[in-house]
Amino acid sequence: MMDIAAKNRQIANSYYNLGLEKAKVRDLSGAAQCLKKSLHFSKYQTDARNLLGLIYYENGEVADALVQWVISLNLQPENNLADHYLDEIQRKPGQLETESQNVKTFNQALWHAQNGSDDLAILQLARVVAAKPHFVKAHLLLALLYMRREDYNKAGRSLFKILQIDKSNPKALYYMSLVKQNTGRADAEKRKMIKAFSHRQMQDDDVIIPNTYKENTGLSTVFHIIIGLIMGLVAFYVLVLPARESSLNRVRDDELIGYMQQLNNANQQNDSLQQENDDLKAQKDEVQKKLDELTTGNTSVLAQYQSLIWVLQYYRTGDLVTAAKTFADANFDMIEDENIQGIISNIRQDMAGNIYQSLVQQGLQLWNGGDKTQAMDYFQASLKIQPDNPEAMFYVGRLYQENGDTENANAMFDKIVGEHGDSEYAQRAATARGY
């Protein structure tokens, strides 16, 4: 009997295959849902995680794409396409900075839209989508702003671009239906469908053959004419005139009913748009908050992910000094993903358990080889990780002393003696200090 783990892998593979098929036909929203379900059943399905990252990247969500690829690379360090994707981003000069600037501009556009400056918001969003044509959120906000100005043609063009990228985007489809209603496209498409699927009933040309009549002449003819005129006048006043008046009344009533229906529809649409506007403002506030956390300052989520990527890269290249300095100066408290926090915890344990002492040993080798400058970098990198290591502190003080920097050397020796008096380096520091 198949165990639970094997069943989960089988289900995960099925969802991945379904997501792959949807992605091939540009059903990106549907593909993303399938891939998330695949990862729910097996987080080690790296193909699904890598494809989900590509979908985020295609929609302009670069930060979300980086998260998926970093997790994927940590779960499968070898033979993983995520390594290639991350290298491609790093090889493009300034791409992360450009992406960050585009998000900041989008953030400013949200702020302007929230405060009633729609013109400024539209200008900034136009620049964003020109620089980043696949930024779906920017296209969507631009379409909503056009709809608020009742410029439904421009809104439709923005929504059409979204549906070219992701043909099943639910918000774009919903707003496109509103655009069609306001531009008459919905009624035109409905009439076209009715015409296409209706059957025209064939009619024959009926030939009405009148009864034969007898020609009349003379007084009989005149009499018949007079009788016909009298009957025509009677028929007009009795039959035609009331019917005409009734028809005019019906037309007037129909027009009045139509105007009332239009007024009622307009009121309902106004209420709907007002509610939609309130919902949009709430969404703007939420997006504003998330974007501030994502992009503002060196401690933003994007900056913290970027620092982690560089630390991993320095690890891979063996540049432990730069890795230690970068890790010590970075802050990762805004990263909430448990898998990423596990990576950070492993790095921190390795730094505190092994790397700081390895840096001291390599620094001594460089010093003995005559390279005092690089040796100082290694000792100071070790202190970045373990600031209270008396051994590294002593060697830094000795290098200061050899370089003629007596003030910094004495300060370091005094710190060793005062804070680490029970260590073997306290006496050595006192001797070097001269007391």
Protein backbone atom coordinates (compact mmCIF):
# COMPACT_ATOMS: atom_id res chain seq x y z
CA MET A 1 0.00 0.00 0.00
CA MET A 2 1.36 3.39 -0.98
CA ASP A 3 2.49 5.40 2.08
CA ILE A 4 1.36 8.95 2.79
CA ALA A 5 4.63 10.57 1.65
CA ALA A 6 4.47 8.81 -1.71
CA LYS A 7 0.84 9.84 -2.17
CA ASN A 8 1.72 13.44 -1.37
CA ARG A 9 4.52 13.39 -3.93
CA GLN A 10 2.17 11.93 -6.53
CA ILE A 11 -0.46 14.61 -5.85
CA ALA A 12 2.23 17.32 -5.89
CA ASN A 13 3.49 16.09 -9.27
CA SER A 14 -0.05 16.06 -10.66
CA TYR A 15 -0.66 19.65 -9.57
CA TYR A 16 2.73 20.64 -11.01
CA ASN A 17 1.88 19.09 -14.39
CA LEU A 18 -1.49 20.85 -14.38
CA GLY A 19 0.17 24.16 -13.48
CA LEU A 20 2.73 23.67 -16.25
CA GLU A 21 -0.04 23.13 -18.82
CA LYS A 22 -1.86 26.26 -17.65
CA ALA A 23 1.35 28.30 -17.77
CA LYS A 24 1.96 27.18 -21.36
CA VAL A 25 -1.35 28.77 -22.45
CA ARG A 26 -0.71 31.90 -20.32
CA ASP A 27 -3.27 31.04 -17.66
CA LEU A 28 -0.81 32.37 -15.08
CA SER A 29 -3.31 32.87 -12.25
CA GLY A 30 -4.60 29.33 -12.65
CA ALA A 31 -1.05 28.01 -12.92
CA ALA A 32 0.00 29.81 -9.72
CA GLN A 33 -2.91 28.26 -7.81
CA CYS A 34 -1.97 24.76 -9.00
CA LEU A 35 1.71 25.26 -8.14
CA LYS A 36 0.86 26.51 -4.64
CA LYS A 37 -1.23 23.37 -4.11
CA SER A 38 1.70 21.29 -5.37
CA LEU A 39 4.01 22.90 -2.78
CA HIS A 40 1.36 22.39 -0.11
CA PHE A 41 1.62 18.64 -0.62
CA SER A 42 5.43 18.63 -1.08
CA LYS A 43 7.66 21.59 -0.34
CA TYR A 44 10.56 19.71 -1.97
CA GLN A 45 8.90 19.90 -5.40
CA THR A 46 11.56 22.34 -6.65
CA ASP A 47 10.29 22.31 -10.23
CA ALA A 48 6.95 23.69 -9.01
CA ARG A 49 8.71 26.28 -6.81
CA ASN A 50 10.98 27.40 -9.66
CA LEU A 51 8.03 27.72 -12.05
CA LEU A 52 6.08 29.68 -9.44
CA GLY A 53 9.06 32.04 -9.18
CA LEU A 54 9.05 32.47 -12.96
CA ILE A 55 5.32 33.32 -12.88
CA TYR A 56 5.94 35.92 -10.15
CA TYR A 57 8.82 37.32 -12.21
CA GLU A 58 6.62 37.44 -15.35
CA ASN A 59 3.96 39.40 -13.43
CA GLY A 60 6.58 41.87 -12.19
CA GLU A 61 6.74 40.49 -8.62
CA VAL A 62 10.54 40.23 -8.46
CA ALA A 63 10.80 40.04 -4.66
CA ASP A 64 8.35 37.10 -4.50
CA ALA A 65 10.29 35.38 -7.29
CA LEU A 66 13.57 35.77 -5.37
CA VAL A 67 11.98 34.23 -2.26
CA GLN A 68 10.91 31.11 -4.15
CA TRP A 69 14.30 30.66 -5.85
CA VAL A 70 16.29 31.13 -2.64
CA ILE A 71 14.12 28.54 -0.87
CA SER A 72 14.47 26.19 -3.84
CA LEU A 73 18.26 26.53 -3.90
CA ASN A 74 18.46 25.87 -0.17
CA LEU A 75 16.32 22.73 -0.48
CA GLN A 76 18.25 21.45 -3.53
CA PRO A 77 21.74 23.03 -3.79
CA GLU A 78 22.86 20.91 -6.75
CA ASN A 79 21.46 20.75 -10.31
CA ASN A 80 18.85 23.41 -9.62
CA LEU A 81 17.64 25.93 -12.20
CA ALA A 82 17.06 28.44 -9.40
CA ASP A 83 20.84 28.90 -9.27
CA HIS A 84 20.75 29.93 -12.94
CA TYR A 85 17.86 32.35 -12.40
CA LEU A 86 19.61 34.05 -9.46
CA ASP A 87 22.86 34.30 -11.42
CA GLU A 88 21.00 35.86 -14.35
CA ILE A 89 19.60 38.57 -12.09
CA GLN A 90 22.99 39.22 -10.47
CA ARG A 91 24.72 39.42 -13.86
CA LYS A 92 22.43 42.22 -15.04
CA PRO A 93 23.99 45.43 -13.65
CA GLY A 94 21.65 47.38 -11.45
CA GLN A 95 18.59 45.22 -12.09
CA LEU A 96 17.63 44.94 -8.41
CA GLU A 97 18.08 48.70 -7.99
CA THR A 98 15.91 49.31 -11.08
CA GLU A 99 13.22 46.96 -9.77
CA SER A 100 13.32 48.70 -6.40
CA GLN A 101 12.97 52.12 -8.07
CA ASN A 102 9.99 50.92 -10.10
CA VAL A 103 8.28 49.68 -6.93
CA LYS A 104 9.00 53.02 -5.22
CA THR A 105 7.46 54.89 -8.15
CA PHE A 106 4.42 52.60 -7.97
CA ASN A 107 4.28 53.32 -4.23
CA GLN A 108 4.26 57.08 -4.90
CA ALA A 109 1.51 56.64 -7.49
CA LEU A 110 -0.60 54.82 -4.90
CA TRP A 111 -0.08 57.69 -2.46
CA HIS A 112 -1.09 60.29 -5.05
CA ALA A 113 -4.17 58.26 -6.03
CA GLN A 114 -5.15 57.92 -2.38
CA ASN A 115 -4.89 61.68 -1.87
CA GLY A 116 -6.86 62.65 -4.96
CA SER A 117 -3.95 63.48 -7.29
CA ASP A 118 -5.06 61.12 -10.04
CA ASP A 119 -3.19 63.00 -12.78
CA LEU A 120 0.17 62.62 -11.00
CA ALA A 121 -0.59 58.98 -10.22
CA ILE A 122 -1.40 58.26 -13.88
CA LEU A 123 1.81 59.96 -15.06
CA GLN A 124 3.94 57.92 -12.64
CA LEU A 125 2.16 54.66 -13.49
CA ALA A 126 2.63 55.37 -17.21
CA ARG A 127 6.39 55.65 -16.59
CA VAL A 128 6.39 52.41 -14.58
CA VAL A 129 4.57 50.34 -17.21
CA ALA A 130 6.76 51.86 -19.95
CA ALA A 131 9.89 50.73 -18.09
CA LYS A 132 8.34 47.46 -16.92
CA PRO A 133 5.57 46.37 -19.34
CA HIS A 134 4.74 43.19 -17.39
CA PHE A 135 4.06 44.91 -14.04
CA VAL A 136 0.48 43.62 -13.68
CA LYS A 137 -0.34 45.56 -10.49
CA ALA A 138 0.69 48.84 -12.13
CA HIS A 139 -1.50 48.13 -15.19
CA LEU A 140 -4.41 47.23 -12.89
CA LEU A 141 -4.14 50.41 -10.81
CA LEU A 142 -3.80 52.48 -14.01
CA ALA A 143 -6.99 50.90 -15.38
CA LEU A 144 -8.87 51.65 -12.14
CA LEU A 145 -7.78 55.30 -12.25
CA TYR A 146 -8.96 55.58 -15.85
CA MET A 147 -12.29 54.01 -14.85
CA ARG A 148 -12.66 56.54 -12.04
CA ARG A 149 -12.24 59.27 -14.65
CA GLU A 150 -14.76 57.43 -16.89
CA ASP A 151 -12.11 57.05 -19.56
CA TYR A 152 -13.17 53.49 -20.29
CA ASN A 153 -11.32 53.17 -23.59
CA LYS A 154 -7.91 53.73 -21.96
CA ALA A 155 -8.91 51.50 -19.06
CA GLY A 156 -9.80 48.79 -21.54
CA ARG A 157 -6.37 49.06 -23.19
CA SER A 158 -4.61 48.62 -19.84
CA LEU A 159 -6.80 45.65 -18.94
CA PHE A 160 -6.20 44.12 -22.38
CA LYS A 161 -2.43 44.25 -21.71
CA ILE A 162 -2.96 42.43 -18.41
CA LEU A 163 -5.01 39.71 -20.11
CA GLN A 164 -2.27 39.30 -22.73
CA ILE A 165 0.13 38.53 -19.85
CA ASP A 166 -2.33 36.53 -17.71
CA LYS A 167 -5.52 35.65 -19.57
CA SER A 168 -7.34 34.47 -16.41
CA ASN A 169 -6.49 37.33 -14.04
CA PRO A 170 -9.75 37.56 -12.04
CA LYS A 171 -9.58 41.29 -11.27
CA ALA A 172 -8.76 42.19 -14.86
CA LEU A 173 -11.65 40.06 -16.13
CA TYR A 174 -14.09 41.66 -13.67
CA TYR A 175 -13.06 45.22 -14.49
CA MET A 176 -13.08 44.42 -18.21
CA SER A 177 -16.74 43.39 -17.86
CA LEU A 178 -17.48 46.82 -16.32
CA VAL A 179 -15.61 48.55 -19.14
CA LYS A 180 -17.62 46.64 -21.74
CA GLN A 181 -20.88 47.61 -20.05
CA ASN A 182 -19.93 51.29 -20.10
CA THR A 183 -18.69 51.29 -23.68
CA GLY A 184 -21.55 49.28 -25.17
CA ARG A 185 -19.32 46.37 -26.04
CA ALA A 186 -21.29 44.00 -23.79
CA ASP A 187 -24.58 44.69 -25.62
CA ALA A 188 -22.86 44.45 -29.00
CA GLU A 189 -21.34 41.08 -28.12
CA LYS A 190 -24.68 39.86 -26.79
CA ARG A 191 -26.48 40.86 -29.99
CA LYS A 192 -23.76 39.22 -32.03
CA MET A 193 -24.18 35.97 -30.09
CA ILE A 194 -27.98 36.05 -30.44
CA LYS A 195 -27.68 36.63 -34.17
CA ALA A 196 -25.11 33.87 -34.53
CA PHE A 197 -27.23 31.24 -32.76
CA SER A 198 -30.72 32.27 -33.89
CA HIS A 199 -32.64 30.70 -36.84
CA ARG A 200 -34.25 32.98 -39.40
CA GLN A 201 -37.69 31.79 -40.29
CA MET A 202 -38.20 31.60 -44.03
CA GLN A 203 -41.19 33.50 -45.38
CA ASP A 204 -42.84 33.08 -48.76
CA ASP A 205 -43.97 35.98 -50.87
CA ASP A 206 -47.68 35.66 -50.65
CA VAL A 207 -49.49 36.91 -53.69
CA ILE A 208 -52.91 38.21 -52.79
CA ILE A 209 -55.26 37.80 -55.68
CA PRO A 210 -58.16 40.22 -55.26
CA ASN A 211 -61.67 39.20 -56.06
CA THR A 212 -62.96 40.18 -59.45
CA TYR A 213 -64.99 43.28 -59.53
CA LYS A 214 -67.48 44.76 -61.82
CA GLU A 215 -66.75 48.09 -63.37
CA ASN A 216 -69.31 50.74 -62.71
CA THR A 217 -70.00 53.87 -64.74
CA GLY A 218 -71.98 57.03 -64.55
CA LEU A 219 -74.04 58.01 -61.49
CA SER A 220 -73.26 54.73 -59.83
CA THR A 221 -69.60 55.53 -59.89
CA VAL A 222 -70.13 59.01 -58.38
CA PHE A 223 -72.38 57.55 -55.70
CA HIS A 224 -69.81 54.94 -54.77
CA ILE A 225 -67.11 57.59 -54.53
CA ILE A 226 -69.20 59.73 -52.16
CA ILE A 227 -70.06 56.73 -50.02
CA GLY A 228 -66.34 55.77 -49.90
CA LEU A 229 -65.33 59.26 -48.75
CA ILE A 230 -67.92 59.27 -46.00
CA MET A 231 -66.87 55.80 -44.79
CA GLY A 232 -63.18 56.82 -44.92
CA LEU A 233 -63.82 59.84 -42.70
CA VAL A 234 -65.84 57.75 -40.26
CA ALA A 235 -63.12 55.09 -40.14
CA PHE A 236 -60.45 57.75 -39.57
CA TYR A 237 -62.19 59.32 -36.59
CA VAL A 238 -63.47 56.05 -35.16
CA LEU A 239 -60.52 53.75 -35.78
CA VAL A 240 -57.34 55.50 -36.90
CA LEU A 241 -57.32 58.59 -34.67
CA PRO A 242 -57.89 56.77 -31.33
CA ALA A 243 -55.35 54.12 -32.31
CA ARG A 244 -52.80 56.81 -33.18
CA GLU A 245 -53.43 58.61 -29.88
CA SER A 246 -53.11 55.32 -27.98
CA SER A 247 -49.86 54.56 -29.81
CA LEU A 248 -48.41 57.97 -28.90
CA ASN A 249 -49.40 57.43 -25.27
CA ARG A 250 -47.69 54.03 -25.26
CA VAL A 251 -44.53 55.53 -26.76
CA ARG A 252 -44.55 58.25 -24.12
CA ASP A 253 -45.09 55.72 -21.33
CA ASP A 254 -42.35 53.47 -22.70
CA GLU A 255 -39.93 56.40 -22.87
CA LEU A 256 -40.82 57.43 -19.31
CA ILE A 257 -40.29 53.85 -18.07
CA GLY A 258 -36.98 53.72 -19.95
CA TYR A 259 -35.80 56.97 -18.36
CA MET A 260 -36.79 55.72 -14.91
CA GLN A 261 -34.92 52.45 -15.50
CA GLN A 262 -31.85 54.33 -16.69
CA LEU A 263 -32.02 56.58 -13.63
CA ASN A 264 -32.36 53.55 -11.35
CA ASN A 265 -29.46 51.79 -13.10
CA ALA A 266 -27.35 54.93 -12.80
CA ASN A 267 -28.09 55.17 -9.08
CA GLN A 268 -27.22 51.50 -8.58
CA GLN A 269 -24.04 51.88 -10.60
CA ASN A 270 -23.11 54.99 -8.61
CA ASP A 271 -23.59 53.07 -5.35
CA SER A 272 -21.54 50.18 -6.73
CA LEU A 273 -18.74 52.50 -7.86
CA GLN A 274 -18.76 54.27 -4.51
CA GLN A 275 -18.42 50.95 -2.70
CA GLU A 276 -15.73 49.92 -5.15
CA ASN A 277 -13.93 53.22 -4.55
CA ASP A 278 -14.03 52.62 -0.79
CA ASP A 279 -12.70 49.09 -1.30
CA LEU A 280 -9.97 50.47 -3.56
CA LYS A 281 -8.92 52.97 -0.89
CA ALA A 282 -8.72 50.17 1.67
CA GLN A 283 -6.65 48.10 -0.77
CA LYS A 284 -4.40 51.10 -1.37
CA ASP A 285 -3.78 51.50 2.36
CA GLU A 286 -2.89 47.83 2.68
CA VAL A 287 -0.66 47.86 -0.41
CA GLN A 288 0.94 51.11 0.80
CA LYS A 289 1.84 49.49 4.10
CA LYS A 290 3.24 46.38 2.43
CA LEU A 291 5.20 48.40 -0.12
CA ASP A 292 6.72 50.55 2.63
CA GLU A 293 7.89 47.39 4.38
CA LEU A 294 9.12 45.99 1.08
CA THR A 295 11.04 48.93 -0.35
CA THR A 296 11.75 51.70 2.19
CA GLY A 297 15.35 52.03 3.39
CA ASN A 298 18.19 49.58 3.85
CA THR A 299 16.18 47.54 6.37
CA SER A 300 13.31 46.80 3.95
CA VAL A 301 12.28 43.26 3.13
CA LEU A 302 13.77 43.59 -0.36
CA ALA A 303 17.08 44.86 1.08
CA GLN A 304 17.19 42.01 3.61
CA TYR A 305 16.60 39.39 0.91
CA GLN A 306 19.27 41.05 -1.20
CA SER A 307 21.76 40.92 1.69
CA LEU A 308 21.00 37.23 2.24
CA ILE A 309 21.55 36.48 -1.46
CA TRP A 310 24.96 38.19 -1.33
CA VAL A 311 25.93 36.29 1.85
CA LEU A 312 25.08 32.98 0.13
CA GLN A 313 27.02 34.06 -2.96
CA TYR A 314 30.12 34.93 -0.88
CA TYR A 315 29.81 31.57 0.85
CA ARG A 316 29.81 29.80 -2.50
CA THR A 317 32.88 31.71 -3.73
CA GLY A 318 34.78 31.17 -0.46
CA ASP A 319 34.97 34.89 0.41
CA LEU A 320 34.41 34.38 4.13
CA VAL A 321 35.60 37.87 5.11
CA THR A 322 33.00 39.65 3.00
CA ALA A 323 30.37 37.06 3.95
CA ALA A 324 31.02 37.66 7.66
CA LYS A 325 30.95 41.45 7.33
CA THR A 326 27.81 41.42 5.21
CA PHE A 327 26.01 39.02 7.55
CA ALA A 328 27.02 40.96 10.66
CA ASP A 329 25.87 44.30 9.21
CA ALA A 330 22.58 42.92 7.85
CA ASN A 331 19.22 42.72 9.61
CA PHE A 332 16.80 39.91 8.83
CA ASP A 333 14.00 40.56 11.34
CA MET A 334 11.40 41.46 8.66
CA ILE A 335 11.72 38.15 6.81
CA GLU A 336 8.79 36.03 7.99
CA ASP A 337 9.18 32.96 5.82
CA GLU A 338 10.06 29.99 8.06
CA ASN A 339 12.24 28.31 5.42
CA ILE A 340 14.31 31.47 4.91
CA GLN A 341 14.63 31.97 8.67
CA GLY A 342 15.94 28.39 8.86
CA ILE A 343 18.67 29.31 6.34
CA ILE A 344 19.57 32.44 8.35
CA SER A 345 19.71 30.42 11.58
CA ASN A 346 22.06 27.87 9.99
CA ILE A 347 24.36 30.62 8.75
CA ARG A 348 24.35 32.31 12.17
CA GLN A 349 25.26 29.05 13.91
CA ASP A 350 28.06 28.41 11.43
CA MET A 351 29.39 31.94 11.89
CA ALA A 352 29.34 31.77 15.69
CA GLY A 353 30.60 28.19 15.87
CA ASN A 354 33.26 27.95 13.18
CA ILE A 355 33.77 30.92 10.90
CA TYR A 356 34.91 33.49 13.45
CA GLN A 357 37.76 31.27 14.70
CA SER A 358 38.68 30.23 11.16
CA LEU A 359 39.03 33.91 10.26
CA VAL A 360 41.46 34.39 13.17
CA GLN A 361 43.61 31.45 12.04
CA GLN A 362 43.70 32.66 8.44
CA GLY A 363 44.54 36.17 9.67
CA LEU A 364 47.53 34.79 11.59
CA GLN A 365 48.74 32.97 8.48
CA LEU A 366 48.52 36.17 6.45
CA TRP A 367 50.35 38.12 9.18
CA ASN A 368 53.11 35.55 9.31
CA GLY A 369 53.31 35.79 5.53
CA GLY A 370 53.81 39.55 5.73
CA ASP A 371 50.36 40.68 4.58
CA LYS A 372 49.35 42.85 7.56
CA THR A 373 46.59 44.73 5.74
CA GLN A 374 44.63 41.62 4.77
CA ALA A 375 45.34 40.08 8.17
CA MET A 376 43.69 43.10 9.80
CA ASP A 377 40.60 42.56 7.57
CA TYR A 378 40.33 38.93 8.76
CA PHE A 379 40.68 39.83 12.45
CA GLN A 380 38.12 42.63 12.20
CA ALA A 381 35.72 40.37 10.28
CA SER A 382 36.03 37.85 13.13
CA LEU A 383 35.17 40.61 15.62
CA LYS A 384 32.12 41.47 13.57
CA ILE A 385 30.79 37.99 14.36
CA GLN A 386 32.22 37.56 17.89
CA PRO A 387 32.94 41.07 19.29
CA ASP A 388 34.14 39.73 22.69
CA ASN A 389 36.84 37.39 21.36
CA PRO A 390 40.02 38.44 23.26
CA GLU A 391 42.30 36.63 20.84
CA ALA A 392 41.12 38.63 17.80
CA MET A 393 41.10 41.80 19.90
CA PHE A 394 44.75 41.23 20.92
CA TYR A 395 45.92 40.70 17.34
CA VAL A 396 44.07 43.82 16.19
CA GLY A 397 45.75 45.79 18.99
CA ARG A 398 49.19 44.45 18.03
CA LEU A 399 48.66 45.40 14.39
CA TYR A 400 47.59 48.90 15.46
CA GLN A 401 50.75 49.04 17.57
CA GLU A 402 53.00 47.94 14.68
CA ASN A 403 51.37 50.51 12.40
CA GLY A 404 52.11 53.29 14.92
CA ASP A 405 48.47 53.80 15.93
CA THR A 406 49.21 53.85 19.68
CA GLU A 407 45.88 55.33 20.70
CA ASN A 408 43.72 52.58 19.15
CA ALA A 409 46.22 49.90 20.21
CA ASN A 410 46.13 51.00 23.90
CA ALA A 411 42.33 51.21 23.80
CA MET A 412 42.13 47.62 22.57
CA PHE A 413 44.62 46.36 25.17
CA ASP A 414 42.79 48.16 27.99
CA LYS A 415 39.52 46.57 26.85
CA ILE A 416 41.07 43.07 26.97
CA VAL A 417 42.48 43.63 30.45
CA GLY A 418 39.27 45.21 31.77
CA GLU A 419 36.73 42.82 30.24
CA HIS A 420 38.67 39.57 29.84
CA GLY A 421 41.05 39.58 32.82
CA ASP A 422 40.82 35.81 33.25
CA SER A 423 41.90 35.02 29.66
CA GLU A 424 45.43 34.16 28.59
CA TYR A 425 45.51 37.27 26.42
CA ALA A 426 44.97 39.65 29.36
CA GLN A 427 48.59 39.31 30.54
CA ARG A 428 49.88 39.55 26.98
CA ALA A 429 47.81 42.69 26.44
CA ALA A 430 49.15 44.20 29.70
CA THR A 431 52.72 43.46 28.63
CA ALA A 432 52.12 45.00 25.20
CA ARG A 433 50.49 48.00 26.90
CA GLY A 434 53.55 48.47 29.10
CA TYR A 435 52.17 47.87 32.60
